[in-house]
C-alpha atoms as a PDB file:
ATOM      1  CA  MET A   1     105.157  79.852  43.333  1.00  0.00           C
ATOM      2  CA  LYS A   2     102.188  80.653  45.771  1.00  0.00           C
ATOM      3  CA  LYS A   3     103.725  78.379  48.429  1.00  0.00           C
ATOM      4  CA  TYR A   4     107.077  80.042  47.829  1.00  0.00           C
ATOM      5  CA  ILE A   5     105.618  83.497  48.374  1.00  0.00           C
ATOM      6  CA  LEU A   6     103.793  82.414  51.588  1.00  0.00           C
ATOM      7  CA  GLY A   7     107.064  80.947  52.772  1.00  0.00           C
ATOM      8  CA  LEU A   8     108.937  84.172  52.158  1.00  0.00           C
ATOM      9  CA  PHE A   9     106.096  86.134  53.818  1.00  0.00           C
ATOM     10  CA  ALA A  10     106.325  83.894  56.962  1.00  0.00           C
ATOM     11  CA  VAL A  11     109.947  84.260  57.111  1.00  0.00           C
ATOM     12  CA  ALA A  12     109.685  88.038  56.828  1.00  0.00           C
ATOM     13  CA  VAL A  13     106.991  88.062  59.647  1.00  0.00           C
ATOM     14  CA  VAL A  14     109.220  86.022  61.808  1.00  0.00           C
ATOM     15  CA  ALA A  15     112.210  88.150  61.011  1.00  0.00           C
ATOM     16  CA  SER A  16     110.210  91.306  61.842  1.00  0.00           C
ATOM     17  CA  CYS A  17     109.044  89.863  65.246  1.00  0.00           C
ATOM     18  CA  VAL A  18     112.584  88.930  66.108  1.00  0.00           C
ATOM     19  CA  SER A  19     113.755  92.280  65.119  1.00  0.00           C
ATOM     20  CA  GLN A  20     111.117  94.013  67.326  1.00  0.00           C
ATOM     21  CA  GLN A  21     111.995  91.754  70.214  1.00  0.00           C
ATOM     22  CA  GLU A  22     115.705  92.406  69.805  1.00  0.00           C
ATOM     23  CA  LYS A  23     115.168  96.132  69.468  1.00  0.00           C
ATOM     24  CA  ALA A  24     112.969  96.269  72.560  1.00  0.00           C
ATOM     25  CA  MET A  25     115.568  94.193  74.589  1.00  0.00           C
ATOM     26  CA  LYS A  26     118.220  96.758  73.706  1.00  0.00           C
ATOM     27  CA  SER A  27     116.047  99.775  73.944  1.00  0.00           C
ATOM     28  CA  ALA A  28     115.789 102.236  76.838  1.00  0.00           C
ATOM     29  CA  ASP A  29     112.514 103.644  75.557  1.00  0.00           C
ATOM     30  CA  LYS A  30     109.909 102.577  78.174  1.00  0.00           C
ATOM     31  CA  ASN A  31     106.938 102.980  75.878  1.00  0.00           C
ATOM     32  CA  PHE A  32     108.519 100.991  73.116  1.00  0.00           C
ATOM     33  CA  ILE A  33     109.503  98.271  75.465  1.00  0.00           C
ATOM     34  CA  LEU A  34     106.063  98.292  76.893  1.00  0.00           C
ATOM     35  CA  LYS A  35     104.242  98.201  73.472  1.00  0.00           C
ATOM     36  CA  VAL A  36     106.299  95.260  72.342  1.00  0.00           C
ATOM     37  CA  ALA A  37     105.806  93.375  75.740  1.00  0.00           C
ATOM     38  CA  ASN A  38     101.991  93.919  75.439  1.00  0.00           C
ATOM     39  CA  GLU A  39     102.033  92.770  71.856  1.00  0.00           C
ATOM     40  CA  ASN A  40     103.853  89.497  72.898  1.00  0.00           C
ATOM     41  CA  PHE A  41     101.388  89.076  75.803  1.00  0.00           C
ATOM     42  CA  ALA A  42      98.420  89.424  73.379  1.00  0.00           C
ATOM     43  CA  LYS A  43      99.946  86.927  71.020  1.00  0.00           C
ATOM     44  CA  LYS A  44     100.490  84.537  74.024  1.00  0.00           C
ATOM     45  CA  LYS A  45     104.220  84.587  73.526  1.00  0.00           C
ATOM     46  CA  TRP A  46     104.827  84.414  77.275  1.00  0.00           C
ATOM     47  CA  LYS A  47     108.582  84.010  77.361  1.00  0.00           C
ATOM     48  CA  ASN A  48     109.146  87.017  75.129  1.00  0.00           C
ATOM     49  CA  ALA A  49     106.683  89.190  77.064  1.00  0.00           C
ATOM     50  CA  LEU A  50     108.318  88.145  80.313  1.00  0.00           C
ATOM     51  CA  ALA A  51     111.783  88.975  79.046  1.00  0.00           C
ATOM     52  CA  LEU A  52     110.546  92.532  78.358  1.00  0.00           C
ATOM     53  CA  TYR A  53     108.355  92.996  81.414  1.00  0.00           C
ATOM     54  CA  ASP A  54     111.384  92.049  83.563  1.00  0.00           C
ATOM     55  CA  ARG A  55     113.094  95.255  82.156  1.00  0.00           C
ATOM     56  CA  LEU A  56     110.180  97.585  83.042  1.00  0.00           C
ATOM     57  CA  PRO A  57     109.712  97.690  86.849  1.00  0.00           C
ATOM     58  CA  ASN A  58     112.298 100.445  87.326  1.00  0.00           C
ATOM     59  CA  LEU A  59     111.249 102.289  84.278  1.00  0.00           C
ATOM     60  CA  VAL A  60     107.481 102.431  85.094  1.00  0.00           C
ATOM     61  CA  ALA A  61     107.920 102.816  88.942  1.00  0.00           C
ATOM     62  CA  GLY A  62     105.446 105.502  90.179  1.00  0.00           C
ATOM     63  CA  THR A  63     103.629 105.739  86.920  1.00  0.00           C
ATOM     64  CA  ASP A  64     100.129 104.541  85.735  1.00  0.00           C
ATOM     65  CA  ASP A  65     101.755 101.692  83.781  1.00  0.00           C
ATOM     66  CA  ALA A  66     103.224 100.075  86.883  1.00  0.00           C
ATOM     67  CA  PRO A  67     100.158  98.122  87.886  1.00  0.00           C
ATOM     68  CA  ASN A  68      99.614  96.688  84.389  1.00  0.00           C
ATOM     69  CA  VAL A  69     103.279  95.635  84.201  1.00  0.00           C
ATOM     70  CA  VAL A  70     102.941  93.677  87.355  1.00  0.00           C
ATOM     71  CA  PHE A  71      99.554  92.259  86.564  1.00  0.00           C
ATOM     72  CA  ASN A  72     100.488  91.154  83.038  1.00  0.00           C
ATOM     73  CA  SER A  73     103.829  89.773  84.209  1.00  0.00           C
ATOM     74  CA  ALA A  74     102.040  87.696  86.819  1.00  0.00           C
ATOM     75  CA  TYR A  75      99.559  86.299  84.256  1.00  0.00           C
ATOM     76  CA  ALA A  76     102.423  85.627  81.766  1.00  0.00           C
ATOM     77  CA  ASN A  77     104.199  83.521  84.442  1.00  0.00           C
ATOM     78  CA  TYR A  78     100.932  81.794  85.219  1.00  0.00           C
ATOM     79  CA  TYR A  79     100.311  80.771  81.671  1.00  0.00           C
ATOM     80  CA  ASP A  80     104.069  79.820  81.358  1.00  0.00           C
ATOM     81  CA  LYS A  81     103.529  77.536  84.388  1.00  0.00           C
ATOM     82  CA  ASN A  82     105.817  79.462  86.665  1.00  0.00           C
ATOM     83  CA  TYR A  83     103.200  79.126  89.371  1.00  0.00           C
ATOM     84  CA  LYS A  84     105.377  79.961  92.375  1.00  0.00           C
ATOM     85  CA  LEU A  85     106.624  83.291  90.921  1.00  0.00           C
ATOM     86  CA  ALA A  86     103.205  84.119  89.419  1.00  0.00           C
ATOM     87  CA  GLY A  87     101.616  83.493  92.881  1.00  0.00           C
ATOM     88  CA  HIS A  88     104.113  85.878  94.485  1.00  0.00           C
ATOM     89  CA  GLN A  89     103.479  88.530  91.816  1.00  0.00           C
ATOM     90  CA  PHE A  90      99.732  88.367  92.173  1.00  0.00           C
ATOM     91  CA  LYS A  91     100.024  88.720  95.826  1.00  0.00           C
ATOM     92  CA  ASN A  92     102.323  91.557  95.528  1.00  0.00           C
ATOM     93  CA  PHE A  93      99.934  93.331  93.194  1.00  0.00           C
ATOM     94  CA  ALA A  94      97.005  92.955  95.666  1.00  0.00           C
ATOM     95  CA  ILE A  95      99.238  94.389  98.406  1.00  0.00           C
ATOM     96  CA  SER A  96     100.960  97.081  96.312  1.00  0.00           C
ATOM     97  CA  PHE A  97      97.679  98.383  94.583  1.00  0.00           C
ATOM     98  CA  PRO A  98      94.903  98.082  97.070  1.00  0.00           C
ATOM     99  CA  GLN A  99      92.774 100.538  95.364  1.00  0.00           C
ATOM    100  CA  ASP A 100      92.983  98.810  91.939  1.00  0.00           C
ATOM    101  CA  ASN A 101      89.641  97.133  90.893  1.00  0.00           C
ATOM    102  CA  ARG A 102      91.622  94.036  89.897  1.00  0.00           C
ATOM    103  CA  LYS A 103      92.845  93.444  93.570  1.00  0.00           C
ATOM    104  CA  GLU A 104      90.289  90.720  94.171  1.00  0.00           C
ATOM    105  CA  GLU A 105      91.216  88.933  90.941  1.00  0.00           C
ATOM    106  CA  ALA A 106      94.884  89.199  91.769  1.00  0.00           C
ATOM    107  CA  ALA A 107      94.099  87.657  95.301  1.00  0.00           C
ATOM    108  CA  TYR A 108      92.176  84.871  93.624  1.00  0.00           C
ATOM    109  CA  MET A 109      94.758  84.179  91.057  1.00  0.00           C
ATOM    110  CA  SER A 110      97.598  84.126  93.819  1.00  0.00           C
ATOM    111  CA  ALA A 111      95.629  81.445  95.671  1.00  0.00           C
ATOM    112  CA  LEU A 112      95.113  79.598  92.394  1.00  0.00           C
ATOM    113  CA  CYS A 113      98.773  79.661  91.690  1.00  0.00           C
ATOM    114  CA  TYR A 114      99.520  78.083  94.916  1.00  0.00           C
ATOM    115  CA  TYR A 115      96.784  75.396  94.124  1.00  0.00           C
ATOM    116  CA  GLU A 116      98.474  74.761  90.623  1.00  0.00           C
ATOM    117  CA  GLY A 117     101.875  74.556  92.370  1.00  0.00           C
ATOM    118  CA  SER A 118     100.772  71.854  94.750  1.00  0.00           C
ATOM    119  CA  MET A 119     103.159  68.781  94.292  1.00  0.00           C
ATOM    120  CA  ASP A 120     102.038  65.189  93.534  1.00  0.00           C
ATOM    121  CA  TYR A 121     100.914  63.351  96.761  1.00  0.00           C
ATOM    122  CA  ASN A 122     103.992  61.151  96.856  1.00  0.00           C
ATOM    123  CA  LEU A 123     106.190  64.268  97.130  1.00  0.00           C
ATOM    124  CA  ASP A 124     106.655  66.781  99.817  1.00  0.00           C
ATOM    125  CA  GLN A 125     103.256  68.332 100.735  1.00  0.00           C
ATOM    126  CA  SER A 126     104.378  71.684 102.164  1.00  0.00           C
ATOM    127  CA  SER A 127     103.192  73.348  98.972  1.00  0.00           C
ATOM    128  CA  THR A 128      99.878  71.746  99.267  1.00  0.00           C
ATOM    129  CA  GLU A 129      99.476  72.939 102.898  1.00  0.00           C
ATOM    130  CA  LEU A 130     100.501  76.432 101.831  1.00  0.00           C
ATOM    131  CA  ALA A 131      97.930  76.304  99.067  1.00  0.00           C
ATOM    132  CA  ILE A 132      95.115  75.314 101.396  1.00  0.00           C
ATOM    133  CA  ASN A 133      95.994  78.297 103.694  1.00  0.00           C
ATOM    134  CA  GLU A 134      96.025  80.616 100.699  1.00  0.00           C
ATOM    135  CA  LEU A 135      92.790  79.457  99.306  1.00  0.00           C
ATOM    136  CA  GLN A 136      91.275  79.765 102.939  1.00  0.00           C
ATOM    137  CA  ASP A 137      92.507  83.159 103.191  1.00  0.00           C
ATOM    138  CA  PHE A 138      90.845  84.167  99.986  1.00  0.00           C
ATOM    139  CA  LEU A 139      87.639  82.646 101.214  1.00  0.00           C
ATOM    140  CA  ASN A 140      87.837  84.473 104.520  1.00  0.00           C
ATOM    141  CA  ASN A 141      88.529  87.865 102.662  1.00  0.00           C
ATOM    142  CA  TYR A 142      86.058  87.486  99.989  1.00  0.00           C
ATOM    143  CA  PRO A 143      83.273  85.219 101.317  1.00  0.00           C
ATOM    144  CA  ASN A 144      80.652  86.653  98.844  1.00  0.00           C
ATOM    145  CA  SER A 145      82.767  86.616  95.770  1.00  0.00           C
ATOM    146  CA  GLU A 146      81.596  84.660  92.770  1.00  0.00           C
ATOM    147  CA  ARG A 147      85.179  83.247  92.669  1.00  0.00           C
ATOM    148  CA  SER A 148      84.723  81.774  96.133  1.00  0.00           C
ATOM    149  CA  LYS A 149      82.132  79.323  94.904  1.00  0.00           C
ATOM    150  CA  ASN A 150      84.822  76.786  93.713  1.00  0.00           C
ATOM    151  CA  ILE A 151      87.298  77.509  96.562  1.00  0.00           C
ATOM    152  CA  ASN A 152      85.802  74.854  98.933  1.00  0.00           C
ATOM    153  CA  THR A 153      86.072  72.339  96.041  1.00  0.00           C
ATOM    154  CA  LEU A 154      89.713  73.140  95.521  1.00  0.00           C
ATOM    155  CA  ILE A 155      90.444  72.863  99.285  1.00  0.00           C
ATOM    156  CA  GLU A 156      88.732  69.446  99.554  1.00  0.00           C
ATOM    157  CA  GLU A 157      90.767  68.254  96.566  1.00  0.00           C
ATOM    158  CA  LEU A 158      93.985  69.478  98.255  1.00  0.00           C
ATOM    159  CA  SER A 159      92.944  68.061 101.651  1.00  0.00           C
ATOM    160  CA  TYR A 160      92.228  64.765  99.990  1.00  0.00           C
ATOM    161  CA  LYS A 161      95.828  64.798  98.695  1.00  0.00           C
ATOM    162  CA  LEU A 162      97.122  65.143 102.094  1.00  0.00           C
ATOM    163  CA  GLU A 163      94.892  62.397 103.359  1.00  0.00           C
ATOM    164  CA  PHE A 164      95.898  60.050 100.556  1.00  0.00           C
ATOM    165  CA  LYS A 165      99.563  60.732 101.320  1.00  0.00           C
ATOM    166  CA  ALA A 166      99.130  59.849 105.014  1.00  0.00           C
ATOM    167  CA  TYR A 167      97.114  56.827 104.146  1.00  0.00           C
ATOM    168  CA  GLU A 168      99.724  55.596 101.716  1.00  0.00           C
ATOM    169  CA  ASN A 169     102.546  56.117 104.241  1.00  0.00           C
ATOM    170  CA  ALA A 170     100.581  54.057 106.780  1.00  0.00           C
ATOM    171  CA  ARG A 171      99.766  51.419 104.318  1.00  0.00           C
ATOM    172  CA  GLN A 172     103.524  50.951 103.541  1.00  0.00           C
ATOM    173  CA  TYR A 173     104.054  49.955 107.269  1.00  0.00           C
ATOM    174  CA  PHE A 174     101.484  47.129 106.573  1.00  0.00           C
ATOM    175  CA  SER A 175     103.234  46.189 103.325  1.00  0.00           C
ATOM    176  CA  MET A 176     106.552  45.873 105.261  1.00  0.00           C
ATOM    177  CA  GLY A 177     104.877  43.650 107.915  1.00  0.00           C
ATOM    178  CA  ASP A 178     105.293  46.322 110.737  1.00  0.00           C
ATOM    179  CA  TYR A 179     101.687  45.819 111.764  1.00  0.00           C
ATOM    180  CA  LYS A 180     102.073  47.759 115.107  1.00  0.00           C
ATOM    181  CA  ALA A 181     103.381  50.913 113.222  1.00  0.00           C
ATOM    182  CA  ALA A 182     100.664  50.426 110.561  1.00  0.00           C
ATOM    183  CA  ASN A 183      97.878  50.310 113.253  1.00  0.00           C
ATOM    184  CA  VAL A 184      99.169  53.473 114.976  1.00  0.00           C
ATOM    185  CA  ALA A 185      99.704  55.314 111.668  1.00  0.00           C
ATOM    186  CA  LEU A 186      96.293  54.471 110.325  1.00  0.00           C
ATOM    187  CA  GLU A 187      94.542  55.561 113.654  1.00  0.00           C
ATOM    188  CA  ASN A 188      96.537  58.881 113.279  1.00  0.00           C
ATOM    189  CA  VAL A 189      95.070  59.351 109.774  1.00  0.00           C
ATOM    190  CA  LEU A 190      91.533  59.084 111.119  1.00  0.00           C
ATOM    191  CA  GLU A 191      92.285  61.382 114.029  1.00  0.00           C
ATOM    192  CA  ASP A 192      93.916  64.025 111.542  1.00  0.00           C
ATOM    193  CA  PHE A 193      91.231  63.614 108.974  1.00  0.00           C
ATOM    194  CA  PRO A 194      88.014  62.603 110.701  1.00  0.00           C
ATOM    195  CA  SER A 195      85.845  63.237 107.616  1.00  0.00           C
ATOM    196  CA  THR A 196      88.134  61.328 105.332  1.00  0.00           C
ATOM    197  CA  LYS A 197      86.451  59.501 102.458  1.00  0.00           C
ATOM    198  CA  LEU A 198      89.210  56.744 102.846  1.00  0.00           C
ATOM    199  CA  ARG A 199      87.724  55.576 106.130  1.00  0.00           C
ATOM    200  CA  PRO A 200      86.524  52.170 104.807  1.00  0.00           C
ATOM    201  CA  LYS A 201      90.137  51.336 103.346  1.00  0.00           C
ATOM    202  CA  ILE A 202      91.645  52.565 106.590  1.00  0.00           C
ATOM    203  CA  TYR A 203      89.295  50.336 108.669  1.00  0.00           C
ATOM    204  CA  ASP A 204      90.084  47.368 106.388  1.00  0.00           C
ATOM    205  CA  TYR A 205      93.869  47.846 107.034  1.00  0.00           C
ATOM    206  CA  ILE A 206      93.418  48.399 110.726  1.00  0.00           C
ATOM    207  CA  VAL A 207      91.431  45.325 111.281  1.00  0.00           C
ATOM    208  CA  LYS A 208      93.969  43.332 109.173  1.00  0.00           C
ATOM    209  CA  SER A 209      96.821  44.910 111.145  1.00  0.00           C
ATOM    210  CA  ARG A 210      95.233  43.969 114.535  1.00  0.00           C
ATOM    211  CA  TYR A 211      94.585  40.478 113.246  1.00  0.00           C
ATOM    212  CA  GLU A 212      98.207  40.012 112.282  1.00  0.00           C
ATOM    213  CA  LEU A 213      99.375  41.529 115.627  1.00  0.00           C
ATOM    214  CA  ALA A 214      97.108  39.078 117.554  1.00  0.00           C
ATOM    215  CA  THR A 215      98.038  35.981 115.616  1.00  0.00           C
ATOM    216  CA  LYS A 216     101.660  36.641 115.681  1.00  0.00           C
ATOM    217  CA  SER A 217     101.894  38.126 119.193  1.00  0.00           C
ATOM    218  CA  VAL A 218     104.095  37.313 122.007  1.00  0.00           C
ATOM    219  CA  TYR A 219     102.559  35.251 124.838  1.00  0.00           C
ATOM    220  CA  ASP A 220     102.141  38.096 127.392  1.00  0.00           C
ATOM    221  CA  LEU A 221     100.266  40.381 124.818  1.00  0.00           C
ATOM    222  CA  LYS A 222      98.224  37.755 122.903  1.00  0.00           C
ATOM    223  CA  ASP A 223      95.115  38.021 125.104  1.00  0.00           C
ATOM    224  CA  GLU A 224      95.033  41.771 124.837  1.00  0.00           C
ATOM    225  CA  ARG A 225      95.612  41.892 121.110  1.00  0.00           C
ATOM    226  CA  ILE A 226      92.943  39.270 120.382  1.00  0.00           C
ATOM    227  CA  GLU A 227      90.414  41.264 122.368  1.00  0.00           C
ATOM    228  CA  SER A 228      91.479  44.452 120.566  1.00  0.00           C
ATOM    229  CA  ALA A 229      90.997  42.868 117.143  1.00  0.00           C
ATOM    230  CA  LEU A 230      87.766  41.317 118.187  1.00  0.00           C
ATOM    231  CA  ALA A 231      86.422  44.728 119.408  1.00  0.00           C
ATOM    232  CA  PHE A 232      87.370  46.415 116.182  1.00  0.00           C
ATOM    233  CA  THR A 233      85.498  43.872 114.105  1.00  0.00           C
ATOM    234  CA  ARG A 234      82.429  44.710 116.139  1.00  0.00           C
ATOM    235  CA  GLN A 235      83.029  48.407 115.568  1.00  0.00           C
ATOM    236  CA  ILE A 236      83.272  47.882 111.747  1.00  0.00           C
ATOM    237  CA  GLU A 237      80.104  45.699 111.737  1.00  0.00           C
ATOM    238  CA  LYS A 238      78.294  48.482 113.650  1.00  0.00           C
ATOM    239  CA  GLU A 239      79.473  51.500 111.555  1.00  0.00           C
ATOM    240  CA  MET A 240      79.593  50.042 108.145  1.00  0.00           C
ATOM    241  CA  PRO A 241      77.007  47.165 107.875  1.00  0.00           C
ATOM    242  CA  ASN A 242      76.577  45.303 104.582  1.00  0.00           C
ATOM    243  CA  THR A 243      79.988  46.417 103.212  1.00  0.00           C
ATOM    244  CA  ASP A 244      83.140  44.592 101.860  1.00  0.00           C
ATOM    245  CA  VAL A 245      85.108  45.728 104.822  1.00  0.00           C
ATOM    246  CA  THR A 246      82.492  44.208 107.130  1.00  0.00           C
ATOM    247  CA  LYS A 247      82.564  40.901 105.266  1.00  0.00           C
ATOM    248  CA  THR A 248      86.429  40.935 105.864  1.00  0.00           C
ATOM    249  CA  ALA A 249      85.885  41.842 109.527  1.00  0.00           C
ATOM    250  CA  LEU A 250      83.418  38.932 110.135  1.00  0.00           C
ATOM    251  CA  ASP A 251      85.727  36.455 108.386  1.00  0.00           C
ATOM    252  CA  LEU A 252      88.579  37.555 110.556  1.00  0.00           C
ATOM    253  CA  ARG A 253      86.379  37.500 113.625  1.00  0.00           C
ATOM    254  CA  GLN A 254      85.862  33.696 113.006  1.00  0.00           C
ATOM    255  CA  LYS A 255      89.523  33.187 112.867  1.00  0.00           C
ATOM    256  CA  LEU A 256      90.237  35.320 115.951  1.00  0.00           C
ATOM    257  CA  GLU A 257      87.618  33.356 117.880  1.00  0.00           C
ATOM    258  CA  LYS A 258      89.235  30.012 117.018  1.00  0.00           C
ATOM    259  CA  GLU A 259      92.663  31.725 117.896  1.00  0.00           C
ATOM    260  CA  LYS A 260      91.304  32.768 121.208  1.00  0.00           C
ATOM    261  CA  LYS A 261      89.935  29.126 122.010  1.00  0.00           C
ATOM    262  CA  ASP A 262      93.285  27.653 120.922  1.00  0.00           C
ATOM    263  CA  PHE A 263      95.165  30.125 123.118  1.00  0.00           C
ATOM    264  CA  VAL A 264      92.881  29.228 126.145  1.00  0.00           C
ATOM    265  CA  ILE A 265      94.202  25.666 125.815  1.00  0.00           C
ATOM    266  CA  VAL A 266      97.780  26.769 125.314  1.00  0.00           C
ATOM    267  CA  LYS A 267      97.510  29.208 128.240  1.00  0.00           C
ATOM    268  CA  LYS A 268      96.061  26.330 130.398  1.00  0.00           C
ATOM    269  CA  ASN A 269      98.880  23.948 129.446  1.00  0.00           C
ATOM    270  CA  THR A 270     101.552  26.606 129.890  1.00  0.00           C
ATOM    271  CA  GLU A 271     100.209  27.640 133.325  1.00  0.00           C
ATOM    272  CA  ALA A 272     100.101  23.927 134.282  1.00  0.00           C
ATOM    273  CA  ARG A 273     103.748  23.469 133.190  1.00  0.00           C
ATOM    274  CA  LEU A 274     104.693  26.618 134.943  1.00  0.00           C
ATOM    275  CA  ALA A 275     103.027  25.473 138.148  1.00  0.00           C
ATOM    276  CA  ALA A 276     104.821  22.099 137.969  1.00  0.00           C
ATOM    277  CA  LEU A 277     108.108  23.773 137.245  1.00  0.00           C
ATOM    278  CA  THR A 278     107.596  26.193 140.144  1.00  0.00           C
ATOM    279  CA  GLU A 279     106.729  23.278 142.481  1.00  0.00           C
ATOM    280  CA  ARG A 280     109.829  21.345 141.216  1.00  0.00           C
ATOM    281  CA  GLN A 281     111.922  24.458 141.724  1.00  0.00           C
ATOM    282  CA  LYS A 282     110.510  24.868 145.242  1.00  0.00           C
ATOM    283  CA  LYS A 283     111.511  21.195 146.157  1.00  0.00           C
ATOM    284  CA  ILE A 284     114.966  21.675 144.678  1.00  0.00           C
ATOM    285  CA  GLU A 285     115.312  24.954 146.717  1.00  0.00           C
ATOM    286  CA  ALA A 286     114.123  23.064 149.838  1.00  0.00           C
ATOM    287  CA  GLN A 287     116.593  20.329 149.234  1.00  0.00           C
ATOM    288  CA  ASN A 288     119.299  22.744 148.730  1.00  0.00           C
ATOM    289  CA  ALA A 289     118.402  24.662 151.862  1.00  0.00           C
ATOM    290  CA  SER A 290     118.173  21.391 153.910  1.00  0.00           C
ATOM    291  CA  LYS A 291     121.685  20.380 152.582  1.00  0.00           C
ATOM    292  CA  VAL A 292     123.151  23.786 153.369  1.00  0.00           C
ATOM    293  CA  LYS A 293     121.680  23.562 156.859  1.00  0.00           C
ATOM    294  CA  LYS A 294     123.189  20.152 157.360  1.00  0.00           C
ATOM    295  CA  ASP A 295     126.454  21.286 156.133  1.00  0.00           C
ATOM    296  CA  GLN A 296     126.413  24.226 158.394  1.00  0.00           C
ATOM    297  CA  GLN A 297     125.470  22.104 161.367  1.00  0.00           C
ATOM    298  CA  MET A 298     128.387  19.765 160.599  1.00  0.00           C
ATOM    299  CA  LYS A 299     130.776  22.642 160.224  1.00  0.00           C
ATOM    300  CA  ASP A 300     129.497  24.161 163.465  1.00  0.00           C
ATOM    301  CA  GLN A 301     130.061  20.823 165.179  1.00  0.00           C
ATOM    302  CA  VAL A 302     133.532  20.428 163.835  1.00  0.00           C
ATOM    303  CA  ASP A 303     134.410  23.936 164.867  1.00  0.00           C
ATOM    304  CA  ALA A 304     132.953  23.248 168.323  1.00  0.00           C
ATOM    305  CA  GLU A 305     135.074  20.167 168.798  1.00  0.00           C
ATOM    306  CA  LYS A 306     138.121  21.933 167.639  1.00  0.00           C
ATOM    307  CA  LYS A 307     137.529  24.590 170.078  1.00  0.00           C
ATOM    308  CA  ALA A 308     136.956  22.190 172.834  1.00  0.00           C
ATOM    309  CA  MET A 309     140.191  20.357 172.179  1.00  0.00           C
ATOM    310  CA  GLN A 310     142.085  23.635 171.963  1.00  0.00           C
ATOM    311  CA  ILE A 311     140.635  24.554 175.458  1.00  0.00           C
ATOM    312  CA  GLN A 312     141.793  21.180 176.826  1.00  0.00           C
ATOM    313  CA  ARG A 313     145.316  21.674 175.503  1.00  0.00           C
ATOM    314  CA  ASP A 314     145.465  25.272 176.930  1.00  0.00           C
ATOM    315  CA  SER A 315     144.215  23.894 180.306  1.00  0.00           C
ATOM    316  CA  ALA A 316     146.792  21.152 180.506  1.00  0.00           C
ATOM    317  CA  ALA A 317     149.634  23.440 179.700  1.00  0.00           C
ATOM    318  CA  ILE A 318     148.659  25.613 182.633  1.00  0.00           C
ATOM    319  CA  ASN A 319     148.285  22.891 185.214  1.00  0.00           C
ATOM    320  CA  THR A 320     151.566  20.964 184.355  1.00  0.00           C
ATOM    321  CA  PRO A 321     154.406  22.062 186.853  1.00  0.00           C
ATOM    322  CA  PRO A 322     157.697  22.971 185.454  1.00  0.00           C
ATOM    323  CA  PRO A 323     160.356  20.218 185.418  1.00  0.00           C
ATOM    324  CA  ALA A 324     162.818  19.843 188.495  1.00  0.00           C
ATOM    325  CA  ALA A 325     166.083  21.690 188.451  1.00  0.00           C
ATOM    326  CA  THR A 326     169.139  19.648 187.241  1.00  0.00           C
ATOM    327  CA  PHE A 327     172.644  20.022 188.483  1.00  0.00           C
ATOM    328  CA  LYS A 328     175.767  19.367 186.446  1.00  0.00           C
ATOM    329  CA  ILE A 329     178.317  16.999 188.392  1.00  0.00           C
ATOM    330  CA  GLN A 330     181.909  18.239 188.190  1.00  0.00           C
ATOM    331  CA  ARG A 331     184.493  15.663 187.303  1.00  0.00           C
END
C-alpha cells in the first residue's frame, strides 16, 4: 500500500510539472513563464528551461529581467552541452551588459565554451584554433583574474592537440612510404611548434625518413641524401644524448656509413664504365666522321670528273665545223 501511495504521488508530481511546463509554453504572462523557467533551471531541467527562456527575449527586452534570461539561458545551453550556442550567448551577454558584475564570468564562460567545443584531434581543428584565440583574449583582457590561472593550461592542452594532429598527418606520409613528404612535413611541425613535447618522436621519424631516402635514392641524389641523414644523426646525438632516439640514430649511422662506403665503390665502377663508354663513343664518332669525310671526298671527286667530262663535251661541240652542204641531183 505504501509503495502504491508513493507511486501515485510521483505520478501526481510529474503530472503537475508537465502541466506547469505546458501552461508556461502556452502563456503570454512574462512573469509566469520566467518563474517556471527559473524553477526548471534550479532543478537542472535544462531542456525545459531552454524551451521557456527562448520565449522570453522579446517579453523581457529593456527590463531588469533581460540580463538574467540571457545569462541563465547561456548556462542552460552549456550544461546541456550546446557549447557553440552557449559561447555565443555568454559573449553576447558580456557585450550587451558591460556594467553587469557578471561580465567577467560571462567572458570566461564564453572562452570555456569554445574550449569545450574543440573537436577531437583527428577532425577539423578550426574550432580548436578559435578556442585558443578566445582563451587568449580573456587572458589579455583579465590578466589578474583568478579565472586566468588555468587559462594557460587550457591553451597548452589545445595547442598540443594541434601539434599532435600535425604530427599524425606527417607520420602518415612515413607509413605510406612517402619519405620525402614525411621529412618535409615533420620539419614543418618543428617549425610551427618549436616548443613541442613531441620533438623526440619527430626526430625519430625524421632520421628514419632520411635513412630510407638515402638507401633507396636515385644515383644522382644518393651522396647528398646520405650526408643529410648522417648529419641528422649527429644532431640527435648532440641534442638528445642517452635517449632511445639517439640509440636509433647511432644504429642507422653505422648502416649509413656502410652504405656510403658501398656507394663509393659503386660510384667508382660506374664512373669507370661511363669513362669507357665515353671513350668508345668517341672512337665510334671519330670512325663515323672519317667515313663521312671519305664518302664526301669520293662524292666530290665523282662530281669533279662529271664536271670535267661535261666541259670536254661542251668544248668539242663548239670546235666541230658544220657538215658540208649537199645538193640533190635532178634526174
